[in-house]
PDB file of N, CA and C in Angstrom:
ATOM      1  N   MET A   1      26.639  56.461  -5.194  1.00  0.00           N
ATOM      2  CA  MET A   1      25.796  56.488  -4.019  1.00  0.00           C
ATOM      3  C   MET A   1      25.432  55.050  -3.641  1.00  0.00           C
ATOM      4  N   GLU A   2      25.443  54.761  -2.364  1.00  0.00           N
ATOM      5  CA  GLU A   2      25.128  53.416  -1.884  1.00  0.00           C
ATOM      6  C   GLU A   2      23.624  53.173  -1.922  1.00  0.00           C
ATOM      7  N   THR A   3      23.242  51.887  -1.885  1.00  0.00           N
ATOM      8  CA  THR A   3      21.834  51.520  -1.896  1.00  0.00           C
ATOM      9  C   THR A   3      21.536  50.573  -0.731  1.00  0.00           C
ATOM     10  N   VAL A   4      20.244  50.414  -0.448  1.00  0.00           N
ATOM     11  CA  VAL A   4      19.791  49.490   0.577  1.00  0.00           C
ATOM     12  C   VAL A   4      18.579  48.745   0.027  1.00  0.00           C
ATOM     13  N   ASN A   5      18.496  47.448   0.346  1.00  0.00           N
ATOM     14  CA  ASN A   5      17.341  46.646  -0.057  1.00  0.00           C
ATOM     15  C   ASN A   5      16.271  46.754   1.018  1.00  0.00           C
ATOM     16  N   VAL A   6      15.049  46.991   0.606  1.00  0.00           N
ATOM     17  CA  VAL A   6      13.929  47.111   1.538  1.00  0.00           C
ATOM     18  C   VAL A   6      13.502  45.710   1.976  1.00  0.00           C
ATOM     19  N   LYS A   7      13.391  45.544   3.282  1.00  0.00           N
ATOM     20  CA  LYS A   7      12.930  44.279   3.855  1.00  0.00           C
ATOM     21  C   LYS A   7      11.417  44.347   4.038  1.00  0.00           C
ATOM     22  N   PRO A   8      10.741  43.191   4.220  1.00  0.00           N
ATOM     23  CA  PRO A   8       9.291  43.214   4.427  1.00  0.00           C
ATOM     24  C   PRO A   8       8.899  44.095   5.614  1.00  0.00           C
ATOM     25  N   HIS A   9       7.852  44.867   5.412  1.00  0.00           N
ATOM     26  CA  HIS A   9       7.262  45.745   6.428  1.00  0.00           C
ATOM     27  C   HIS A   9       8.142  46.925   6.819  1.00  0.00           C
ATOM     28  N   GLN A  10       9.077  47.313   5.982  1.00  0.00           N
ATOM     29  CA  GLN A  10       9.882  48.495   6.286  1.00  0.00           C
ATOM     30  C   GLN A  10       9.280  49.731   5.628  1.00  0.00           C
ATOM     31  N   CYS A  11       9.434  50.852   6.312  1.00  0.00           N
ATOM     32  CA  CYS A  11       9.040  52.146   5.770  1.00  0.00           C
ATOM     33  C   CYS A  11      10.294  53.039   5.758  1.00  0.00           C
ATOM     34  N   LEU A  12      10.157  54.234   5.212  1.00  0.00           N
ATOM     35  CA  LEU A  12      11.322  55.127   5.149  1.00  0.00           C
ATOM     36  C   LEU A  12      11.863  55.463   6.534  1.00  0.00           C
ATOM     37  N   LEU A  13      10.989  55.552   7.510  1.00  0.00           N
ATOM     38  CA  LEU A  13      11.436  55.811   8.878  1.00  0.00           C
ATOM     39  C   LEU A  13      12.358  54.694   9.365  1.00  0.00           C
ATOM     40  N   ASP A  14      11.966  53.443   9.115  1.00  0.00           N
ATOM     41  CA  ASP A  14      12.794  52.301   9.504  1.00  0.00           C
ATOM     42  C   ASP A  14      14.150  52.336   8.804  1.00  0.00           C
ATOM     43  N   ILE A  15      14.133  52.626   7.518  1.00  0.00           N
ATOM     44  CA  ILE A  15      15.379  52.673   6.738  1.00  0.00           C
ATOM     45  C   ILE A  15      16.289  53.786   7.263  1.00  0.00           C
ATOM     46  N   SER A  16      15.695  54.927   7.602  1.00  0.00           N
ATOM     47  CA  SER A  16      16.467  56.044   8.142  1.00  0.00           C
ATOM     48  C   SER A  16      17.171  55.655   9.443  1.00  0.00           C
ATOM     49  N   ILE A  17      16.445  54.978  10.321  1.00  0.00           N
ATOM     50  CA  ILE A  17      17.035  54.543  11.591  1.00  0.00           C
ATOM     51  C   ILE A  17      18.107  53.488  11.348  1.00  0.00           C
ATOM     52  N   GLN A  18      17.823  52.560  10.464  1.00  0.00           N
ATOM     53  CA  GLN A  18      18.756  51.467  10.177  1.00  0.00           C
ATOM     54  C   GLN A  18      20.061  51.968   9.558  1.00  0.00           C
ATOM     55  N   GLU A  19      19.950  52.896   8.635  1.00  0.00           N
ATOM     56  CA  GLU A  19      21.136  53.330   7.881  1.00  0.00           C
ATOM     57  C   GLU A  19      21.841  54.555   8.438  1.00  0.00           C
ATOM     58  N   LYS A  20      21.113  55.386   9.204  1.00  0.00           N
ATOM     59  CA  LYS A  20      21.717  56.624   9.719  1.00  0.00           C
ATOM     60  C   LYS A  20      21.603  56.765  11.230  1.00  0.00           C
ATOM     61  N   GLY A  21      20.973  55.792  11.899  1.00  0.00           N
ATOM     62  CA  GLY A  21      20.914  55.810  13.356  1.00  0.00           C
ATOM     63  C   GLY A  21      19.875  56.717  13.952  1.00  0.00           C
ATOM     64  N   GLY A  22      19.010  57.311  13.144  1.00  0.00           N
ATOM     65  CA  GLY A  22      17.987  58.199  13.673  1.00  0.00           C
ATOM     66  C   GLY A  22      17.024  58.665  12.604  1.00  0.00           C
ATOM     67  N   ILE A  23      15.971  59.348  13.061  1.00  0.00           N
ATOM     68  CA  ILE A  23      14.949  59.792  12.112  1.00  0.00           C
ATOM     69  C   ILE A  23      15.281  61.122  11.446  1.00  0.00           C
ATOM     70  N   GLY A  24      16.348  61.748  11.852  1.00  0.00           N
ATOM     71  CA  GLY A  24      16.734  63.024  11.263  1.00  0.00           C
ATOM     72  C   GLY A  24      17.041  62.948   9.782  1.00  0.00           C
ATOM     73  N   ALA A  25      17.351  61.782   9.273  1.00  0.00           N
ATOM     74  CA  ALA A  25      17.662  61.619   7.854  1.00  0.00           C
ATOM     75  C   ALA A  25      16.440  61.215   7.032  1.00  0.00           C
ATOM     76  N   LEU A  26      15.280  61.157   7.673  1.00  0.00           N
ATOM     77  CA  LEU A  26      14.060  60.716   6.990  1.00  0.00           C
ATOM     78  C   LEU A  26      13.782  61.538   5.741  1.00  0.00           C
ATOM     79  N   PHE A  27      13.830  62.849   5.860  1.00  0.00           N
ATOM     80  CA  PHE A  27      13.533  63.704   4.711  1.00  0.00           C
ATOM     81  C   PHE A  27      14.604  63.597   3.631  1.00  0.00           C
ATOM     82  N   ASP A  28      15.857  63.360   4.033  1.00  0.00           N
ATOM     83  CA  ASP A  28      16.922  63.151   3.050  1.00  0.00           C
ATOM     84  C   ASP A  28      16.638  61.902   2.217  1.00  0.00           C
ATOM     85  N   PHE A  29      16.206  60.819   2.881  1.00  0.00           N
ATOM     86  CA  PHE A  29      15.845  59.594   2.163  1.00  0.00           C
ATOM     87  C   PHE A  29      14.678  59.849   1.209  1.00  0.00           C
ATOM     88  N   ALA A  30      13.691  60.605   1.673  1.00  0.00           N
ATOM     89  CA  ALA A  30      12.527  60.899   0.840  1.00  0.00           C
ATOM     90  C   ALA A  30      12.930  61.688  -0.407  1.00  0.00           C
ATOM     91  N   VAL A  31      13.758  62.708  -0.231  1.00  0.00           N
ATOM     92  CA  VAL A  31      14.172  63.555  -1.357  1.00  0.00           C
ATOM     93  C   VAL A  31      15.029  62.776  -2.350  1.00  0.00           C
ATOM     94  N   VAL A  32      16.027  62.063  -1.860  1.00  0.00           N
ATOM     95  CA  VAL A  32      16.936  61.320  -2.738  1.00  0.00           C
ATOM     96  C   VAL A  32      16.197  60.251  -3.550  1.00  0.00           C
ATOM     97  N   ASN A  33      15.173  59.661  -2.944  1.00  0.00           N
ATOM     98  CA  ASN A  33      14.444  58.583  -3.613  1.00  0.00           C
ATOM     99  C   ASN A  33      13.136  59.049  -4.251  1.00  0.00           C
ATOM    100  N   ASP A  34      12.884  60.366  -4.242  1.00  0.00           N
ATOM    101  CA  ASP A  34      11.697  60.954  -4.858  1.00  0.00           C
ATOM    102  C   ASP A  34      10.417  60.289  -4.348  1.00  0.00           C
ATOM    103  N   ARG A  35      10.287  60.221  -3.032  1.00  0.00           N
ATOM    104  CA  ARG A  35       9.139  59.589  -2.376  1.00  0.00           C
ATOM    105  C   ARG A  35       8.604  60.495  -1.282  1.00  0.00           C
ATOM    106  N   SER A  36       7.383  60.188  -0.869  1.00  0.00           N
ATOM    107  CA  SER A  36       6.810  60.838   0.302  1.00  0.00           C
ATOM    108  C   SER A  36       7.266  60.057   1.530  1.00  0.00           C
ATOM    109  N   ILE A  37       7.315  60.711   2.682  1.00  0.00           N
ATOM    110  CA  ILE A  37       7.757  60.006   3.885  1.00  0.00           C
ATOM    111  C   ILE A  37       6.755  58.939   4.312  1.00  0.00           C
ATOM    112  N   THR A  38       5.535  58.986   3.784  1.00  0.00           N
ATOM    113  CA  THR A  38       4.506  58.007   4.162  1.00  0.00           C
ATOM    114  C   THR A  38       4.254  56.954   3.088  1.00  0.00           C
ATOM    115  N   ASP A  39       5.022  56.954   2.014  1.00  0.00           N
ATOM    116  CA  ASP A  39       4.828  55.960   0.949  1.00  0.00           C
ATOM    117  C   ASP A  39       5.039  54.548   1.462  1.00  0.00           C
ATOM    118  N   ASP A  40       4.223  53.617   0.973  1.00  0.00           N
ATOM    119  CA  ASP A  40       4.444  52.200   1.248  1.00  0.00           C
ATOM    120  C   ASP A  40       5.595  51.730   0.373  1.00  0.00           C
ATOM    121  N   LEU A  41       6.515  50.992   0.963  1.00  0.00           N
ATOM    122  CA  LEU A  41       7.651  50.460   0.220  1.00  0.00           C
ATOM    123  C   LEU A  41       7.412  48.990  -0.081  1.00  0.00           C
ATOM    124  N   LYS A  42       7.889  48.543  -1.217  1.00  0.00           N
ATOM    125  CA  LYS A  42       7.770  47.137  -1.593  1.00  0.00           C
ATOM    126  C   LYS A  42       9.002  46.386  -1.119  1.00  0.00           C
ATOM    127  N   ALA A  43       8.773  45.245  -0.470  1.00  0.00           N
ATOM    128  CA  ALA A  43       9.896  44.399  -0.045  1.00  0.00           C
ATOM    129  C   ALA A  43      10.704  44.004  -1.270  1.00  0.00           C
ATOM    130  N   GLY A  44      12.011  44.080  -1.148  1.00  0.00           N
ATOM    131  CA  GLY A  44      12.900  43.763  -2.252  1.00  0.00           C
ATOM    132  C   GLY A  44      13.264  44.972  -3.090  1.00  0.00           C
ATOM    133  N   GLY A  45      12.589  46.096  -2.847  1.00  0.00           N
ATOM    134  CA  GLY A  45      12.910  47.322  -3.573  1.00  0.00           C
ATOM    135  C   GLY A  45      14.279  47.851  -3.155  1.00  0.00           C
ATOM    136  N   ILE A  46      14.814  48.707  -3.978  1.00  0.00           N
ATOM    137  CA  ILE A  46      16.140  49.279  -3.708  1.00  0.00           C
ATOM    138  C   ILE A  46      15.997  50.789  -3.551  1.00  0.00           C
ATOM    139  N   LEU A  47      16.575  51.308  -2.470  1.00  0.00           N
ATOM    140  CA  LEU A  47      16.562  52.740  -2.211  1.00  0.00           C
ATOM    141  C   LEU A  47      17.989  53.266  -2.170  1.00  0.00           C
ATOM    142  N   LEU A  48      18.133  54.509  -2.594  1.00  0.00           N
ATOM    143  CA  LEU A  48      19.427  55.175  -2.489  1.00  0.00           C
ATOM    144  C   LEU A  48      19.619  55.676  -1.064  1.00  0.00           C
ATOM    145  N   ILE A  49      20.835  55.593  -0.585  1.00  0.00           N
ATOM    146  CA  ILE A  49      21.169  56.100   0.745  1.00  0.00           C
ATOM    147  C   ILE A  49      21.802  57.479   0.562  1.00  0.00           C
ATOM    148  N   PRO A  50      21.216  58.524   1.161  1.00  0.00           N
ATOM    149  CA  PRO A  50      21.776  59.870   0.980  1.00  0.00           C
ATOM    150  C   PRO A  50      23.173  59.994   1.582  1.00  0.00           C
ATOM    151  N   ASP A  51      23.946  60.878   0.994  1.00  0.00           N
ATOM    152  CA  ASP A  51      25.305  61.127   1.477  1.00  0.00           C
ATOM    153  C   ASP A  51      25.274  62.118   2.636  1.00  0.00           C
ATOM    154  N   THR A  52      24.742  61.678   3.759  1.00  0.00           N
ATOM    155  CA  THR A  52      24.698  62.506   4.960  1.00  0.00           C
ATOM    156  C   THR A  52      25.402  61.761   6.081  1.00  0.00           C
ATOM    157  N   GLU A  53      25.751  62.500   7.110  1.00  0.00           N
ATOM    158  CA  GLU A  53      26.426  61.906   8.266  1.00  0.00           C
ATOM    159  C   GLU A  53      25.476  60.976   9.019  1.00  0.00           C
ATOM    160  N   ILE A  54      26.054  59.997   9.695  1.00  0.00           N
ATOM    161  CA  ILE A  54      25.258  59.152  10.583  1.00  0.00           C
ATOM    162  C   ILE A  54      24.836  60.026  11.754  1.00  0.00           C
ATOM    163  N   ILE A  55      23.553  60.031  12.049  1.00  0.00           N
ATOM    164  CA  ILE A  55      22.997  60.921  13.061  1.00  0.00           C
ATOM    165  C   ILE A  55      23.356  60.470  14.472  1.00  0.00           C
ATOM    166  N   ASN A  56      23.175  59.196  14.744  1.00  0.00           N
ATOM    167  CA  ASN A  56      23.460  58.656  16.070  1.00  0.00           C
ATOM    168  C   ASN A  56      24.308  57.403  15.889  1.00  0.00           C
ATOM    169  N   LYS A  57      25.605  57.573  16.023  1.00  0.00           N
ATOM    170  CA  LYS A  57      26.537  56.465  15.777  1.00  0.00           C
ATOM    171  C   LYS A  57      26.314  55.295  16.727  1.00  0.00           C
ATOM    172  N   ARG A  58      25.913  55.605  17.948  1.00  0.00           N
ATOM    173  CA  ARG A  58      25.680  54.544  18.939  1.00  0.00           C
ATOM    174  C   ARG A  58      24.501  53.653  18.521  1.00  0.00           C
ATOM    175  N   THR A  59      23.403  54.260  18.112  1.00  0.00           N
ATOM    176  CA  THR A  59      22.239  53.501  17.655  1.00  0.00           C
ATOM    177  C   THR A  59      22.573  52.731  16.394  1.00  0.00           C
ATOM    178  N   PHE A  60      23.235  53.391  15.450  1.00  0.00           N
ATOM    179  CA  PHE A  60      23.628  52.737  14.205  1.00  0.00           C
ATOM    180  C   PHE A  60      24.479  51.502  14.487  1.00  0.00           C
ATOM    181  N   GLN A  61      25.468  51.639  15.352  1.00  0.00           N
ATOM    182  CA  GLN A  61      26.375  50.532  15.662  1.00  0.00           C
ATOM    183  C   GLN A  61      25.646  49.407  16.382  1.00  0.00           C
ATOM    184  N   LEU A  62      24.758  49.741  17.298  1.00  0.00           N
ATOM    185  CA  LEU A  62      23.979  48.736  18.019  1.00  0.00           C
ATOM    186  C   LEU A  62      23.116  47.926  17.055  1.00  0.00           C
ATOM    187  N   TYR A  63      22.423  48.601  16.164  1.00  0.00           N
ATOM    188  CA  TYR A  63      21.577  47.900  15.188  1.00  0.00           C
ATOM    189  C   TYR A  63      22.428  46.998  14.300  1.00  0.00           C
ATOM    190  N   GLU A  64      23.566  47.504  13.878  1.00  0.00           N
ATOM    191  CA  GLU A  64      24.435  46.714  13.005  1.00  0.00           C
ATOM    192  C   GLU A  64      25.023  45.509  13.739  1.00  0.00           C
ATOM    193  N   ASP A  65      25.511  45.710  14.964  1.00  0.00           N
ATOM    194  CA  ASP A  65      26.117  44.620  15.740  1.00  0.00           C
ATOM    195  C   ASP A  65      25.107  43.530  16.084  1.00  0.00           C
ATOM    196  N   GLU A  66      23.885  43.932  16.423  1.00  0.00           N
ATOM    197  CA  GLU A  66      22.851  42.983  16.841  1.00  0.00           C
ATOM    198  C   GLU A  66      22.045  42.434  15.668  1.00  0.00           C
ATOM    199  N   GLY A  67      22.279  42.959  14.478  1.00  0.00           N
ATOM    200  CA  GLY A  67      21.532  42.515  13.306  1.00  0.00           C
ATOM    201  C   GLY A  67      20.069  42.934  13.340  1.00  0.00           C
ATOM    202  N   VAL A  68      19.791  44.067  13.986  1.00  0.00           N
ATOM    203  CA  VAL A  68      18.421  44.550  14.095  1.00  0.00           C
ATOM    204  C   VAL A  68      17.984  45.180  12.781  1.00  0.00           C
ATOM    205  N   ILE A  69      16.818  44.761  12.305  1.00  0.00           N
ATOM    206  CA  ILE A  69      16.234  45.337  11.100  1.00  0.00           C
ATOM    207  C   ILE A  69      14.861  45.881  11.484  1.00  0.00           C
ATOM    208  N   PRO A  70      14.756  47.198  11.700  1.00  0.00           N
ATOM    209  CA  PRO A  70      13.464  47.760  12.082  1.00  0.00           C
ATOM    210  C   PRO A  70      12.451  47.602  10.959  1.00  0.00           C
ATOM    211  N   ALA A  71      11.245  47.193  11.306  1.00  0.00           N
ATOM    212  CA  ALA A  71      10.194  46.979  10.304  1.00  0.00           C
ATOM    213  C   ALA A  71       8.852  47.247  10.958  1.00  0.00           C
ATOM    214  N   ASN A  72       8.349  48.442  10.792  1.00  0.00           N
ATOM    215  CA  ASN A  72       7.126  48.862  11.464  1.00  0.00           C
ATOM    216  C   ASN A  72       6.007  49.271  10.521  1.00  0.00           C
ATOM    217  N   ALA A  73       6.154  49.046   9.230  1.00  0.00           N
ATOM    218  CA  ALA A  73       5.132  49.483   8.284  1.00  0.00           C
ATOM    219  C   ALA A  73       3.869  48.648   8.410  1.00  0.00           C
ATOM    220  N   TYR A  74       2.757  49.293   8.185  1.00  0.00           N
ATOM    221  CA  TYR A  74       1.437  48.675   8.266  1.00  0.00           C
ATOM    222  C   TYR A  74       0.792  48.865   6.896  1.00  0.00           C
ATOM    223  N   THR A  75       0.444  47.775   6.234  1.00  0.00           N
ATOM    224  CA  THR A  75      -0.089  47.863   4.878  1.00  0.00           C
ATOM    225  C   THR A  75      -1.550  47.438   4.818  1.00  0.00           C
ATOM    226  N   ALA A  76      -2.162  47.609   3.663  1.00  0.00           N
ATOM    227  CA  ALA A  76      -3.555  47.189   3.460  1.00  0.00           C
ATOM    228  C   ALA A  76      -3.690  45.677   3.636  1.00  0.00           C
ATOM    229  N   ASP A  77      -2.687  44.919   3.257  1.00  0.00           N
ATOM    230  CA  ASP A  77      -2.727  43.457   3.451  1.00  0.00           C
ATOM    231  C   ASP A  77      -2.778  43.116   4.933  1.00  0.00           C
ATOM    232  N   ASP A  78      -2.046  43.850   5.754  1.00  0.00           N
ATOM    233  CA  ASP A  78      -2.074  43.631   7.199  1.00  0.00           C
ATOM    234  C   ASP A  78      -3.461  43.947   7.753  1.00  0.00           C
ATOM    235  N   ASP A  79      -4.059  44.999   7.241  1.00  0.00           N
ATOM    236  CA  ASP A  79      -5.372  45.406   7.698  1.00  0.00           C
ATOM    237  C   ASP A  79      -6.398  44.300   7.456  1.00  0.00           C
ATOM    238  N   ALA A  80      -6.341  43.665   6.298  1.00  0.00           N
ATOM    239  CA  ALA A  80      -7.272  42.583   5.970  1.00  0.00           C
ATOM    240  C   ALA A  80      -7.075  41.389   6.895  1.00  0.00           C
ATOM    241  N   ALA A  81      -5.857  41.102   7.264  1.00  0.00           N
ATOM    242  CA  ALA A  81      -5.572  39.962   8.133  1.00  0.00           C
ATOM    243  C   ALA A  81      -5.996  40.230   9.573  1.00  0.00           C
ATOM    244  N   ILE A  82      -5.949  41.471   9.993  1.00  0.00           N
ATOM    245  CA  ILE A  82      -6.247  41.823  11.375  1.00  0.00           C
ATOM    246  C   ILE A  82      -7.750  41.928  11.625  1.00  0.00           C
ATOM    247  N   LYS A  83      -8.507  42.358  10.631  1.00  0.00           N
ATOM    248  CA  LYS A  83      -9.943  42.558  10.839  1.00  0.00           C
ATOM    249  C   LYS A  83     -10.626  41.235  11.127  1.00  0.00           C
ATOM    250  N   GLY A  84     -10.881  41.030  12.349  1.00  0.00           N
ATOM    251  CA  GLY A  84     -11.532  39.830  12.821  1.00  0.00           C
ATOM    252  C   GLY A  84     -11.774  40.007  14.300  1.00  0.00           C
ATOM    253  N   GLY A  85     -12.296  39.020  14.928  1.00  0.00           N
ATOM    254  CA  GLY A  85     -12.563  39.115  16.354  1.00  0.00           C
ATOM    255  C   GLY A  85     -13.966  39.612  16.629  1.00  0.00           C
ATOM    256  N   ILE A  86     -14.246  39.852  17.873  1.00  0.00           N
ATOM    257  CA  ILE A  86     -15.602  40.180  18.291  1.00  0.00           C
ATOM    258  C   ILE A  86     -16.134  41.430  17.591  1.00  0.00           C
ATOM    259  N   GLY A  87     -15.321  42.437  17.399  1.00  0.00           N
ATOM    260  CA  GLY A  87     -15.774  43.665  16.754  1.00  0.00           C
ATOM    261  C   GLY A  87     -16.219  43.482  15.315  1.00  0.00           C
ATOM    262  N   TYR A  88     -15.856  42.380  14.693  1.00  0.00           N
ATOM    263  CA  TYR A  88     -16.194  42.138  13.302  1.00  0.00           C
ATOM    264  C   TYR A  88     -17.074  40.906  13.115  1.00  0.00           C
ATOM    265  N   MET A  89     -17.524  40.325  14.205  1.00  0.00           N
ATOM    266  CA  MET A  89     -18.346  39.121  14.132  1.00  0.00           C
ATOM    267  C   MET A  89     -19.825  39.467  14.264  1.00  0.00           C
ATOM    268  N   GLY A  90     -20.647  38.656  13.652  1.00  0.00           N
ATOM    269  CA  GLY A  90     -22.092  38.796  13.797  1.00  0.00           C
ATOM    270  C   GLY A  90     -22.603  37.660  14.679  1.00  0.00           C
ATOM    271  N   ILE A  91     -23.461  38.012  15.638  1.00  0.00           N
ATOM    272  CA  ILE A  91     -24.006  36.984  16.528  1.00  0.00           C
ATOM    273  C   ILE A  91     -24.800  35.970  15.712  1.00  0.00           C
ATOM    274  N   GLN A  92     -24.533  34.716  15.949  1.00  0.00           N
ATOM    275  CA  GLN A  92     -25.127  33.553  15.273  1.00  0.00           C
ATOM    276  C   GLN A  92     -24.711  33.457  13.804  1.00  0.00           C
ATOM    277  N   VAL A  93     -23.768  34.293  13.364  1.00  0.00           N
ATOM    278  CA  VAL A  93     -23.202  34.151  12.019  1.00  0.00           C
ATOM    279  C   VAL A  93     -21.838  33.492  12.155  1.00  0.00           C
ATOM    280  N   ASP A  94     -20.891  34.188  12.761  1.00  0.00           N
ATOM    281  CA  ASP A  94     -19.591  33.582  13.026  1.00  0.00           C
ATOM    282  C   ASP A  94     -19.195  33.722  14.496  1.00  0.00           C
ATOM    283  N   PHE A  95     -20.102  34.232  15.294  1.00  0.00           N
ATOM    284  CA  PHE A  95     -19.920  34.304  16.739  1.00  0.00           C
ATOM    285  C   PHE A  95     -21.114  33.578  17.369  1.00  0.00           C
ATOM    286  N   ARG A  96     -20.858  32.444  17.940  1.00  0.00           N
ATOM    287  CA  ARG A  96     -21.926  31.606  18.471  1.00  0.00           C
ATOM    288  C   ARG A  96     -22.164  31.893  19.956  1.00  0.00           C
ATOM    289  N   VAL A  97     -23.416  32.089  20.316  1.00  0.00           N
ATOM    290  CA  VAL A  97     -23.800  32.250  21.712  1.00  0.00           C
ATOM    291  C   VAL A  97     -24.576  31.010  22.107  1.00  0.00           C
ATOM    292  N   SER A  98     -24.110  30.318  23.133  1.00  0.00           N
ATOM    293  CA  SER A  98     -24.820  29.102  23.544  1.00  0.00           C
ATOM    294  C   SER A  98     -25.167  29.136  25.016  1.00  0.00           C
TER     295      SER A  98
END
């Protein structure tokens, strides 16, 4: 069975689109790799690619030709980096009114 290396910020949905051209193989990836479809993946991890047909050959070929690597995962580390701005500032603490 073939494998794929997980890139930063990829989830099983991204891997399914990248390797099979669509989300129809999402559950196959989850079953083969003994994971939930919502599990956070670690960059550099290795996943098995299920022996299923490519769902959308046109999308698969486009991603491969253009070198597109879908990466849409949102992690707790991202959440910590994003929390900022007016909604998280205190007046006269880190938000100055003059």
